[in-house]
Amino acid sequence: MSDKIIVPALGESITEAVIAKWLKHEGDYVEKDEVIVELETDKVTQEIYAPQTGVLSKIFFSEGKEVKVGEIIAKVDHDKKSKQTDKNNNTLKNKQVELVDIKVPSLGESISEVIIGKWIKSVGEQIYKGEPLVEIETDKVTQELYAENNGLLNKIIFNEQDEVKIGAVIGTIEVNNIEKKLDNKTNEISEKEGNEKNDVLDPSIINRSGAGGKINVNDLKEFITGVSLSPSARKYINENQLEIDSLSNISEGGRVTKSDLMNMNYDNISSNTKSNITDNNSLTDQIKPLSKLRQSIATRLKQAQNTAAMLTTFNEIDMQGVINLRKKYKESFLKKHGVKLGFMSFFTKASVAVLKQIPEVNAEIRKNNVVYKNRYDIGVAVGTDKGLFVPVIRSADKMTFAEIESSILEYGQLAKENKITLDHMKDGTFTISNGGVYGSMLSTPILNPPQSGILGLHNIVKRPVVIDDQITIRPIMYVALTYDHRIIDGKQAVTFLVKLKQIIENPEEMIFDL
């Protein structure tokens, strides 16, 4: 027999609630009156209790889903006993079984939910500590979650493309004492009983990227050659139906990325794939659904527009002083520090100097409070084939020009290799976006919430200007400051750009702290 768990009446004006957290999972044994789920409304969080002792046999709604009052959300069977068996139907004997939750980690103040991009492991599959389990996506980056224990993937609670909240349990691991596989591939071949030949391969040690968790040809080549595919590379192969003849010839680094595949010689691709690539160049329109990631980006950008009172002010900067300084010292700078002296280090140092004078631009609104930041962590926008990432230069106020340029160079390399993580991008206080590298003349950048200001840099163009009542040609850059008008007045925004202009046009004062 079973008892239904129903969303109770939550007040006269409340007709629906959100599943905040399941404290029990399908198959778990529950005691009568034990809390099994938390519901949230716009007014209160309420716990729901087990009506009887038994097994939570069915959960109809996952965390984050909206449910109506009176709706059945789960079922408890009180004539069943809870059992834990392994996925090969072998009962675990003389061994204590432990279930470990796979939770979505905290990814920064402004990130409250993620999208399940791809489950790398399947239910019942043996996993090892440190192996990637699942890819999660935000509007900023794709990140892998890794196993913290050896064991079996016991349950997947959320499917691919589901939206889940930070802290949500998305799966469970059944912990066991299986030792981590050896690095030597020869030891991954299972032994038969007695003196039989070691010719049996354990399929559980091979990555499964095929449909329905099946092993495809590229998985076998990846296993045999010892070359690993990045998640983006594996996705690119599947989307384009590639059959790679030799993974080892594509990259010498032991790991093949998406960029490696895009830049490879067609001789590394089978003849069937070549025809598919040719077909993509046909004149017929291609219709592709908007990915969940792009949908999430669109939602976040729209939220920024709807939440903040965004306004943009502009100014122009004569770049001749900086250009002359770079020309004079570029060779000695490169020789001493191993990096080129670029424009971004000048603007980063100048921005920090002005932020110290106008702290509102470095602040954020948190509920009904203004939080003034005493740190200067500057986000620098980096363009990739997957979109725009904004890694953060930490404590930019304490860094030299060389250290800033080195950080920017490192982030650019990580972005090319799809190795930018959320840790690289969270908790910035101010952002600089350089559209000028793509030839942009003028733009109005959108705020990166919860920040209150973003500086847009543009292309340097020779223009006629009046200096000392004389018309002359100078290298001019238009700059834009988009700001949150709720805490930054027009006077402060204009003053910010004026002071920035003064510093950049007199770079010696910045260098010598005059």
Protein backbone atom coordinates (compact mmCIF):
# COMPACT_ATOMS: atom_id res chain seq x y z
CA MET A 1 0.00 0.00 0.00
CA SER A 2 1.11 3.54 -0.61
CA ASP A 3 0.38 7.01 0.73
CA LYS A 4 0.42 10.09 -1.49
CA ILE A 5 2.40 13.16 -0.46
CA ILE A 6 0.34 16.20 -1.43
CA VAL A 7 1.20 19.90 -1.38
CA PRO A 8 -0.87 21.17 1.57
CA ALA A 9 -2.79 24.44 1.80
CA LEU A 10 -0.23 27.16 2.42
CA GLY A 11 -2.41 30.18 3.05
CA GLU A 12 -5.39 31.87 1.51
CA SER A 13 -3.49 33.75 -1.20
CA ILE A 14 -0.90 31.06 -1.96
CA THR A 15 -1.68 28.71 -4.84
CA GLU A 16 1.75 27.30 -5.67
CA ALA A 17 5.17 26.58 -4.20
CA VAL A 18 8.67 25.57 -5.30
CA ILE A 19 10.38 22.27 -4.43
CA ALA A 20 13.35 23.66 -2.48
CA LYS A 21 15.12 20.50 -1.31
CA TRP A 22 14.45 16.77 -1.15
CA LEU A 23 15.88 15.47 2.12
CA LYS A 24 15.21 11.89 1.04
CA HIS A 25 15.71 10.17 -2.32
CA GLU A 26 13.78 7.51 -4.21
CA GLY A 27 14.32 4.15 -2.54
CA ASP A 28 15.18 5.66 0.86
CA TYR A 29 13.60 4.25 4.01
CA VAL A 30 11.61 6.89 5.92
CA GLU A 31 10.07 6.98 9.38
CA LYS A 32 6.60 8.34 10.06
CA ASP A 33 6.68 12.13 10.65
CA GLU A 34 10.26 12.35 9.30
CA VAL A 35 10.92 15.43 7.16
CA ILE A 36 11.29 14.39 3.52
CA VAL A 37 11.00 17.63 1.51
CA GLU A 38 11.11 21.42 1.92
CA LEU A 39 8.70 23.68 0.03
CA GLU A 40 9.26 27.40 -0.56
CA THR A 41 6.82 30.20 -1.28
CA ASP A 42 7.43 33.93 -1.54
CA LYS A 43 6.58 34.13 2.15
CA VAL A 44 7.75 31.02 3.96
CA THR A 45 9.65 27.72 3.80
CA GLN A 46 7.61 24.69 4.93
CA GLU A 47 8.64 21.14 5.72
CA ILE A 48 6.58 18.17 4.58
CA TYR A 49 6.58 15.01 6.71
CA ALA A 50 6.26 11.31 5.87
CA PRO A 51 2.67 10.14 6.47
CA GLN A 52 3.77 6.56 7.23
CA THR A 53 6.87 4.46 7.80
CA GLY A 54 8.04 2.90 4.55
CA VAL A 55 10.01 3.55 1.37
CA LEU A 56 9.91 6.75 -0.67
CA SER A 57 9.05 4.90 -3.88
CA LYS A 58 8.45 7.80 -6.29
CA ILE A 59 9.35 11.49 -6.60
CA PHE A 60 7.28 13.28 -9.24
CA PHE A 61 8.93 16.72 -9.16
CA SER A 62 12.62 17.58 -8.92
CA GLU A 63 14.15 20.45 -6.96
CA GLY A 64 13.43 23.88 -8.40
CA LYS A 65 10.11 22.84 -9.98
CA GLU A 66 6.89 24.76 -9.28
CA VAL A 67 3.96 22.74 -7.86
CA LYS A 68 0.36 23.68 -7.14
CA VAL A 69 -1.51 23.29 -3.85
CA GLY A 70 -3.16 19.84 -3.79
CA GLU A 71 -0.73 18.36 -6.32
CA ILE A 72 0.82 14.92 -5.67
CA ILE A 73 4.61 15.32 -5.43
CA ALA A 74 5.69 11.90 -4.13
CA LYS A 75 4.56 8.48 -2.92
CA VAL A 76 5.51 6.40 0.13
CA ASP A 77 5.03 2.61 0.07
CA HIS A 78 4.71 1.35 3.66
CA ASP A 79 4.72 -2.35 2.83
CA LYS A 80 8.24 -2.34 1.34
CA LYS A 81 11.69 -2.50 2.80
CA SER A 82 14.63 -0.49 1.53
CA LYS A 83 17.33 -2.50 -0.25
CA GLN A 84 20.76 -1.47 -1.54
CA THR A 85 22.22 -3.62 -4.29
CA ASP A 86 24.88 -2.89 -6.79
CA LYS A 87 24.02 -2.32 -10.41
CA ASN A 88 25.18 -5.74 -11.45
CA ASN A 89 22.52 -7.27 -9.18
CA ASN A 90 25.18 -8.55 -6.78
CA THR A 91 24.32 -7.90 -3.15
CA LEU A 92 27.06 -6.10 -1.31
CA LYS A 93 28.04 -8.37 1.56
CA ASN A 94 30.20 -7.71 4.56
CA LYS A 95 30.57 -4.14 3.34
CA GLN A 96 28.97 -0.99 4.63
CA VAL A 97 27.19 0.84 1.79
CA GLU A 98 27.25 4.62 1.88
CA LEU A 99 25.44 7.02 -0.45
CA VAL A 100 27.20 10.32 -1.15
CA ASP A 101 25.28 13.21 -2.68
CA ILE A 102 26.51 14.96 -5.82
CA LYS A 103 25.71 18.61 -5.20
CA VAL A 104 25.97 21.71 -7.37
CA PRO A 105 28.72 23.81 -5.74
CA SER A 106 28.60 27.52 -5.06
CA LEU A 107 29.73 29.35 -8.21
CA GLY A 108 29.71 32.99 -7.16
CA GLU A 109 27.38 35.53 -5.62
CA SER A 110 25.45 36.31 -8.80
CA ILE A 111 24.95 32.69 -9.96
CA SER A 112 21.88 30.99 -8.48
CA GLU A 113 21.24 28.20 -10.97
CA VAL A 114 22.98 26.10 -13.61
CA ILE A 115 22.06 23.83 -16.51
CA ILE A 116 22.96 20.13 -16.62
CA GLY A 117 25.00 20.06 -19.83
CA LYS A 118 26.00 16.41 -20.11
CA TRP A 119 26.27 13.38 -17.85
CA ILE A 120 29.69 11.89 -18.57
CA LYS A 121 28.94 8.79 -16.49
CA SER A 122 25.86 6.54 -16.59
CA VAL A 123 23.85 5.01 -13.75
CA GLY A 124 25.49 1.80 -12.56
CA GLU A 125 28.87 2.73 -14.03
CA GLN A 126 31.99 2.32 -11.91
CA ILE A 127 33.59 5.69 -11.14
CA TYR A 128 36.84 6.66 -9.48
CA LYS A 129 37.82 9.59 -7.32
CA GLY A 130 38.85 12.57 -9.43
CA GLU A 131 37.01 11.45 -12.58
CA PRO A 132 34.58 13.91 -14.24
CA LEU A 133 30.94 12.97 -13.62
CA VAL A 134 28.87 15.68 -15.24
CA GLU A 135 29.20 18.98 -17.08
CA ILE A 136 27.26 21.95 -15.72
CA GLU A 137 26.73 25.16 -17.66
CA THR A 138 26.10 28.74 -16.66
CA ASP A 139 25.81 31.83 -18.80
CA LYS A 140 29.53 32.28 -18.31
CA VAL A 141 31.27 28.93 -18.52
CA THR A 142 31.03 25.14 -18.73
CA GLN A 143 32.52 23.31 -15.75
CA GLU A 144 33.01 19.66 -14.88
CA LEU A 145 32.09 18.19 -11.49
CA TYR A 146 34.43 15.45 -10.27
CA ALA A 147 33.85 12.35 -8.18
CA GLU A 148 34.98 12.70 -4.59
CA ASN A 149 34.84 8.95 -3.93
CA ASN A 150 35.30 5.58 -5.61
CA GLY A 151 32.03 3.78 -6.21
CA LEU A 152 29.04 3.34 -8.49
CA LEU A 153 26.88 6.11 -9.90
CA ASN A 154 23.77 5.16 -7.98
CA LYS A 155 21.22 7.67 -9.24
CA ILE A 156 20.82 10.61 -11.63
CA ILE A 157 18.16 12.95 -10.26
CA PHE A 158 18.32 15.66 -12.94
CA ASN A 159 18.60 14.99 -16.65
CA GLU A 160 20.57 16.85 -19.30
CA GLN A 161 19.29 20.38 -20.06
CA ASP A 162 17.46 20.56 -16.69
CA GLU A 163 17.88 23.80 -14.76
CA VAL A 164 18.94 23.29 -11.14
CA LYS A 165 19.71 25.60 -8.24
CA ILE A 166 23.02 25.99 -6.43
CA GLY A 167 23.28 23.38 -3.66
CA ALA A 168 20.81 21.00 -5.31
CA VAL A 169 21.51 17.26 -5.18
CA ILE A 170 21.73 16.10 -8.80
CA GLY A 171 22.80 12.51 -8.19
CA THR A 172 24.23 10.03 -5.70
CA ILE A 173 27.33 7.83 -5.55
CA GLU A 174 27.24 4.40 -3.91
CA VAL A 175 30.63 4.30 -2.19
CA ASN A 176 32.61 1.07 -2.27
CA ASN A 177 36.19 -0.03 -1.75
CA ILE A 178 37.16 -0.55 -5.35
CA GLU A 179 40.68 0.68 -5.92
CA LYS A 180 41.41 3.36 -8.47
CA LYS A 181 42.45 2.02 -11.88
CA LEU A 182 46.13 1.96 -12.64
CA ASP A 183 47.61 4.46 -15.04
CA ASN A 184 49.23 1.70 -17.06
CA LYS A 185 46.73 0.69 -19.71
CA THR A 186 48.03 -2.86 -19.78
CA ASN A 187 46.77 -3.38 -16.24
CA GLU A 188 43.27 -2.38 -17.25
CA ILE A 189 42.80 -5.70 -19.02
CA SER A 190 40.91 -8.05 -16.73
CA GLU A 191 42.32 -11.47 -15.83
CA LYS A 192 40.43 -14.69 -16.41
CA GLU A 193 40.38 -17.46 -13.84
CA GLY A 194 43.28 -19.91 -13.72
CA ASN A 195 45.87 -19.70 -16.45
CA GLU A 196 43.63 -18.36 -19.21
CA LYS A 197 45.03 -15.58 -21.46
CA ASN A 198 44.60 -11.96 -20.47
CA ASP A 199 42.47 -11.13 -23.49
CA VAL A 200 39.29 -9.88 -21.83
CA LEU A 201 38.71 -6.11 -21.71
CA ASP A 202 36.59 -4.60 -18.97
CA PRO A 203 34.25 -2.14 -20.79
CA SER A 204 33.62 -0.17 -17.58
CA ILE A 205 37.03 1.50 -17.88
CA ILE A 206 36.26 3.02 -21.31
CA ASN A 207 34.58 6.42 -21.67
CA ARG A 208 31.10 6.23 -23.23
CA SER A 209 30.17 9.16 -25.46
CA GLY A 210 27.75 7.36 -27.78
CA ALA A 211 23.98 7.66 -27.70
CA GLY A 212 22.46 6.13 -24.59
CA GLY A 213 25.85 5.75 -22.93
CA LYS A 214 27.21 3.37 -25.59
CA ILE A 215 30.87 2.99 -26.54
CA ASN A 216 31.62 4.33 -30.02
CA VAL A 217 34.68 4.00 -32.27
CA ASN A 218 36.27 7.24 -31.07
CA ASP A 219 35.97 6.08 -27.45
CA LEU A 220 38.03 2.99 -28.31
CA LYS A 221 40.65 5.03 -30.18
CA GLU A 222 40.86 7.43 -27.24
CA PHE A 223 41.39 4.47 -24.87
CA ILE A 224 43.97 2.69 -27.04
CA THR A 225 46.08 5.77 -27.85
CA GLY A 226 45.98 7.20 -24.33
CA VAL A 227 44.85 10.55 -25.75
CA SER A 228 41.94 12.18 -23.92
CA LEU A 229 39.21 14.30 -25.46
CA SER A 230 38.02 17.46 -23.75
CA PRO A 231 34.21 17.68 -23.25
CA SER A 232 33.97 20.38 -25.92
CA ALA A 233 35.98 18.22 -28.35
CA ARG A 234 33.77 15.20 -27.71
CA LYS A 235 30.66 17.34 -28.26
CA TYR A 236 32.13 18.74 -31.50
CA ILE A 237 32.84 15.22 -32.78
CA ASN A 238 29.31 14.04 -32.04
CA GLU A 239 27.63 17.15 -33.51
CA ASN A 240 29.62 16.88 -36.76
CA GLN A 241 29.56 13.05 -36.87
CA LEU A 242 33.34 12.88 -37.11
CA GLU A 243 35.23 9.61 -37.25
CA ILE A 244 38.82 10.38 -36.31
CA ASP A 245 41.35 8.04 -37.88
CA SER A 246 44.24 8.99 -35.60
CA LEU A 247 43.78 10.97 -32.39
CA SER A 248 47.49 10.92 -31.63
CA ASN A 249 48.28 12.84 -34.83
CA ILE A 250 45.96 15.72 -33.92
CA SER A 251 47.60 16.90 -30.71
CA GLU A 252 50.97 16.18 -29.11
CA GLY A 253 49.84 17.31 -25.68
CA GLY A 254 47.96 14.16 -24.73
CA ARG A 255 44.59 15.97 -24.74
CA VAL A 256 42.57 16.94 -27.80
CA THR A 257 40.57 20.16 -27.58
CA LYS A 258 37.85 21.56 -29.82
CA SER A 259 40.33 24.01 -31.35
CA ASP A 260 42.63 21.07 -32.23
CA LEU A 261 39.78 19.43 -34.14
CA MET A 262 38.78 22.65 -35.90
CA ASN A 263 42.36 23.24 -37.05
CA MET A 264 43.19 19.68 -38.05
CA ASN A 265 43.94 18.50 -41.58
CA TYR A 266 41.04 16.84 -43.36
CA ASP A 267 43.33 13.89 -43.95
CA ASN A 268 42.62 12.94 -40.34
CA ILE A 269 38.92 12.60 -41.10
CA SER A 270 37.18 9.70 -42.79
CA SER A 271 35.75 10.09 -46.29
CA ASN A 272 32.18 9.91 -44.95
CA THR A 273 32.84 12.87 -42.70
CA LYS A 274 34.35 14.92 -45.55
CA SER A 275 31.09 14.67 -47.46
CA ASN A 276 29.18 15.80 -44.38
CA ILE A 277 31.41 18.87 -44.04
CA THR A 278 30.91 19.68 -47.72
CA ASP A 279 27.16 19.43 -47.27
CA ASN A 280 27.30 22.09 -44.58
CA ASN A 281 28.39 24.58 -47.23
CA SER A 282 25.18 24.16 -49.22
CA LEU A 283 22.89 27.09 -49.93
CA THR A 284 20.00 25.76 -47.86
CA ASP A 285 19.19 27.44 -44.55
CA GLN A 286 20.25 25.65 -41.40
CA ILE A 287 17.97 25.79 -38.39
CA LYS A 288 19.49 24.96 -35.02
CA PRO A 289 17.66 25.27 -31.71
CA LEU A 290 19.02 27.89 -29.33
CA SER A 291 21.11 26.04 -26.77
CA LYS A 292 20.22 26.11 -23.09
CA LEU A 293 23.47 27.96 -22.48
CA ARG A 294 22.59 30.72 -24.94
CA GLN A 295 19.08 30.86 -23.48
CA SER A 296 20.59 31.29 -20.03
CA ILE A 297 22.89 34.06 -21.32
CA ALA A 298 19.90 35.82 -22.87
CA THR A 299 17.95 35.56 -19.62
CA ARG A 300 20.85 36.92 -17.56
CA LEU A 301 21.43 39.87 -19.89
CA LYS A 302 17.75 40.71 -19.89
CA GLN A 303 17.67 40.49 -16.10
CA ALA A 304 20.57 42.96 -15.97
CA GLN A 305 18.57 45.37 -18.15
CA ASN A 306 15.41 44.91 -16.09
CA THR A 307 17.07 45.15 -12.67
CA ALA A 308 19.67 47.89 -13.01
CA ALA A 309 18.92 51.43 -14.19
CA MET A 310 21.63 51.28 -16.86
CA LEU A 311 22.91 54.45 -18.47
CA THR A 312 26.00 55.00 -20.65
CA THR A 313 28.23 58.08 -20.91
CA PHE A 314 31.06 58.60 -23.41
CA ASN A 315 34.34 60.43 -23.83
CA GLU A 316 37.36 60.38 -26.12
CA ILE A 317 40.99 59.86 -25.23
CA ASP A 318 44.10 60.96 -27.09
CA MET A 319 46.28 57.83 -27.08
CA GLN A 320 49.45 59.49 -28.38
CA GLY A 321 51.16 59.60 -24.97
CA VAL A 322 50.61 55.89 -24.31
CA ILE A 323 51.62 54.98 -27.87
CA ASN A 324 54.87 56.93 -27.55
CA LEU A 325 55.61 55.34 -24.17
CA ARG A 326 54.96 51.82 -25.51
CA LYS A 327 57.14 52.46 -28.55
CA LYS A 328 59.99 53.71 -26.35
CA TYR A 329 59.98 50.85 -23.84
CA LYS A 330 58.36 47.89 -25.63
CA GLU A 331 61.64 46.12 -26.46
CA SER A 332 63.18 46.52 -22.99
CA PHE A 333 59.85 45.60 -21.33
CA LEU A 334 59.54 42.41 -23.38
CA LYS A 335 63.17 41.47 -22.74
CA LYS A 336 62.88 41.94 -18.98
CA HIS A 337 59.39 40.56 -18.28
CA GLY A 338 58.77 38.15 -21.17
CA VAL A 339 55.43 39.78 -22.10
CA LYS A 340 54.46 42.64 -24.37
CA LEU A 341 53.38 45.97 -22.95
CA GLY A 342 49.77 46.39 -24.05
CA PHE A 343 47.05 49.00 -23.63
CA MET A 344 45.03 46.93 -21.12
CA SER A 345 47.56 47.31 -18.32
CA PHE A 346 47.39 51.10 -18.68
CA PHE A 347 43.59 51.11 -18.54
CA THR A 348 43.53 48.64 -15.66
CA LYS A 349 45.92 50.75 -13.56
CA ALA A 350 44.10 53.97 -14.51
CA SER A 351 40.67 52.46 -13.71
CA VAL A 352 41.85 51.35 -10.26
CA ALA A 353 43.17 54.86 -9.56
CA VAL A 354 39.81 56.43 -10.48
CA LEU A 355 37.78 53.76 -8.63
CA LYS A 356 39.60 54.75 -5.44
CA GLN A 357 38.40 58.33 -5.98
CA ILE A 358 34.83 57.40 -6.95
CA PRO A 359 34.01 54.31 -4.82
CA GLU A 360 30.38 54.12 -5.98
CA VAL A 361 31.53 52.75 -9.34
CA ASN A 362 33.27 49.92 -7.48
CA ALA A 363 30.22 49.20 -5.30
CA GLU A 364 27.11 47.04 -5.67
CA ILE A 365 23.52 47.04 -4.44
CA ARG A 366 22.72 44.13 -2.15
CA LYS A 367 19.03 44.16 -1.22
CA ASN A 368 18.49 47.63 0.26
CA ASN A 369 22.15 48.26 1.03
CA VAL A 370 25.08 49.67 -0.93
CA VAL A 371 28.20 47.52 -0.47
CA TYR A 372 31.41 49.49 -1.01
CA LYS A 373 34.28 47.19 -2.01
CA ASN A 374 37.70 47.74 -0.51
CA ARG A 375 39.26 45.48 -3.11
CA TYR A 376 39.92 46.04 -6.78
CA ASP A 377 39.32 42.81 -8.68
CA ILE A 378 39.03 43.82 -12.31
CA GLY A 379 37.25 41.59 -14.83
CA VAL A 380 38.75 41.55 -18.33
CA ALA A 381 36.47 40.34 -21.13
CA VAL A 382 38.02 37.58 -23.29
CA GLY A 383 36.33 36.42 -26.51
CA THR A 384 36.18 32.69 -27.42
CA ASP A 385 34.27 30.53 -29.89
CA LYS A 386 31.85 29.69 -27.06
CA GLY A 387 31.19 33.30 -26.15
CA LEU A 388 32.58 36.05 -23.97
CA PHE A 389 34.30 35.08 -20.70
CA VAL A 390 35.23 37.61 -18.01
CA PRO A 391 38.12 36.28 -15.88
CA VAL A 392 39.14 38.47 -12.95
CA ILE A 393 42.53 40.04 -12.23
CA ARG A 394 42.67 39.81 -8.42
CA SER A 395 44.06 42.71 -6.37
CA ALA A 396 44.89 44.70 -9.49
CA ASP A 397 45.80 47.67 -7.31
CA LYS A 398 48.81 45.77 -5.96
CA MET A 399 50.05 44.49 -9.33
CA THR A 400 52.70 45.90 -11.64
CA PHE A 401 52.19 46.50 -15.36
CA ALA A 402 54.07 43.29 -16.10
CA GLU A 403 51.98 41.24 -13.68
CA ILE A 404 48.77 42.56 -15.21
CA GLU A 405 49.95 41.80 -18.76
CA SER A 406 51.05 38.32 -17.68
CA SER A 407 47.63 37.64 -16.14
CA ILE A 408 45.82 38.79 -19.29
CA LEU A 409 48.09 36.63 -21.47
CA GLU A 410 47.50 33.60 -19.24
CA TYR A 411 43.73 34.05 -19.29
CA GLY A 412 43.77 34.38 -23.07
CA GLN A 413 45.62 31.06 -23.36
CA LEU A 414 43.26 29.34 -20.93
CA ALA A 415 40.28 30.64 -22.90
CA LYS A 416 41.67 29.20 -26.16
CA GLU A 417 42.04 25.82 -24.44
CA ASN A 418 38.54 26.05 -22.87
CA LYS A 419 40.12 25.88 -19.42
CA ILE A 420 38.52 29.02 -17.96
CA THR A 421 36.61 28.04 -14.82
CA LEU A 422 34.06 29.81 -12.67
CA ASP A 423 36.71 30.35 -10.00
CA HIS A 424 38.55 32.50 -12.53
CA MET A 425 35.49 34.70 -13.10
CA LYS A 426 33.65 35.15 -9.82
CA ASP A 427 33.65 38.08 -7.40
CA GLY A 428 34.88 40.80 -9.75
CA THR A 429 34.18 44.40 -8.68
CA PHE A 430 34.51 46.19 -12.05
CA THR A 431 34.81 45.08 -15.68
CA ILE A 432 36.76 46.32 -18.72
CA SER A 433 35.56 45.18 -22.16
CA ASN A 434 37.81 45.90 -25.16
CA GLY A 435 35.67 45.74 -28.28
CA GLY A 436 38.37 47.69 -30.08
CA VAL A 437 40.34 44.50 -30.76
CA TYR A 438 37.50 43.51 -33.13
CA GLY A 439 37.34 46.96 -34.73
CA SER A 440 34.42 48.38 -32.76
CA MET A 441 34.17 52.17 -32.99
CA LEU A 442 31.51 52.71 -30.32
CA SER A 443 29.27 50.56 -28.14
CA THR A 444 27.19 50.55 -24.95
CA PRO A 445 28.39 47.61 -22.85
CA ILE A 446 25.93 45.77 -20.57
CA LEU A 447 26.67 45.51 -16.84
CA ASN A 448 28.04 42.30 -15.41
CA PRO A 449 25.73 41.85 -12.34
CA PRO A 450 26.03 42.55 -9.48
CA GLN A 451 28.69 45.08 -10.53
CA SER A 452 27.66 48.69 -10.98
CA GLY A 453 30.07 49.75 -13.71
CA ILE A 454 31.70 48.48 -16.90
CA LEU A 455 34.22 50.33 -19.08
CA GLY A 456 34.09 49.82 -22.84
CA LEU A 457 37.23 50.43 -24.92
CA HIS A 458 37.13 50.86 -28.69
CA ASN A 459 39.24 51.06 -31.81
CA ILE A 460 42.02 53.66 -32.03
CA VAL A 461 41.47 55.80 -35.14
CA LYS A 462 43.39 58.82 -36.40
CA ARG A 463 41.05 61.81 -36.27
CA PRO A 464 41.38 65.58 -36.73
CA VAL A 465 41.35 67.39 -33.38
CA VAL A 466 42.05 70.94 -32.25
CA ILE A 467 45.10 71.42 -30.01
CA ASP A 468 46.24 74.93 -29.12
CA ASP A 469 43.82 76.32 -31.73
CA GLN A 470 45.49 74.19 -34.39
CA ILE A 471 43.91 71.26 -36.27
CA THR A 472 46.10 68.19 -36.03
CA ILE A 473 45.76 64.44 -36.53
CA ARG A 474 45.81 62.34 -33.36
CA PRO A 475 45.10 58.68 -32.48
CA ILE A 476 41.74 58.86 -30.71
CA MET A 477 39.88 56.18 -28.77
CA TYR A 478 36.24 56.49 -27.78
CA VAL A 479 35.50 55.11 -24.30
CA ALA A 480 32.14 54.30 -22.73
CA LEU A 481 31.08 53.80 -19.11
CA THR A 482 27.83 51.95 -18.51
CA TYR A 483 26.72 52.41 -14.92
CA ASP A 484 23.87 51.63 -12.53
CA HIS A 485 22.04 54.93 -12.11
CA ARG A 486 20.49 53.70 -8.85
CA ILE A 487 23.73 54.37 -6.96
CA ILE A 488 25.88 56.31 -9.47
CA ASP A 489 24.85 59.83 -10.47
CA GLY A 490 25.59 61.33 -13.85
CA LYS A 491 28.15 63.66 -12.31
CA GLN A 492 30.10 60.72 -10.85
CA ALA A 493 29.99 58.80 -14.15
CA VAL A 494 31.17 61.77 -16.20
CA THR A 495 33.88 62.55 -13.65
CA PHE A 496 35.06 58.94 -13.84
CA LEU A 497 35.73 59.21 -17.59
CA VAL A 498 37.24 62.69 -17.29
CA LYS A 499 39.74 61.50 -14.68
CA LEU A 500 40.44 58.35 -16.70
CA LYS A 501 41.12 60.53 -19.74
CA GLN A 502 43.51 62.73 -17.75
CA ILE A 503 45.51 59.74 -16.50
CA ILE A 504 45.74 57.95 -19.87
CA GLU A 505 46.73 61.13 -21.71
CA ASN A 506 49.51 61.70 -19.14
CA PRO A 507 50.79 58.14 -18.54
CA GLU A 508 54.05 59.27 -16.94
CA GLU A 509 52.08 60.54 -13.94
CA MET A 510 50.55 57.08 -13.49
CA ILE A 511 53.88 55.29 -13.80
CA PHE A 512 55.70 57.57 -11.39
CA ASP A 513 52.67 58.00 -9.07
CA LEU A 514 52.58 61.77 -9.47
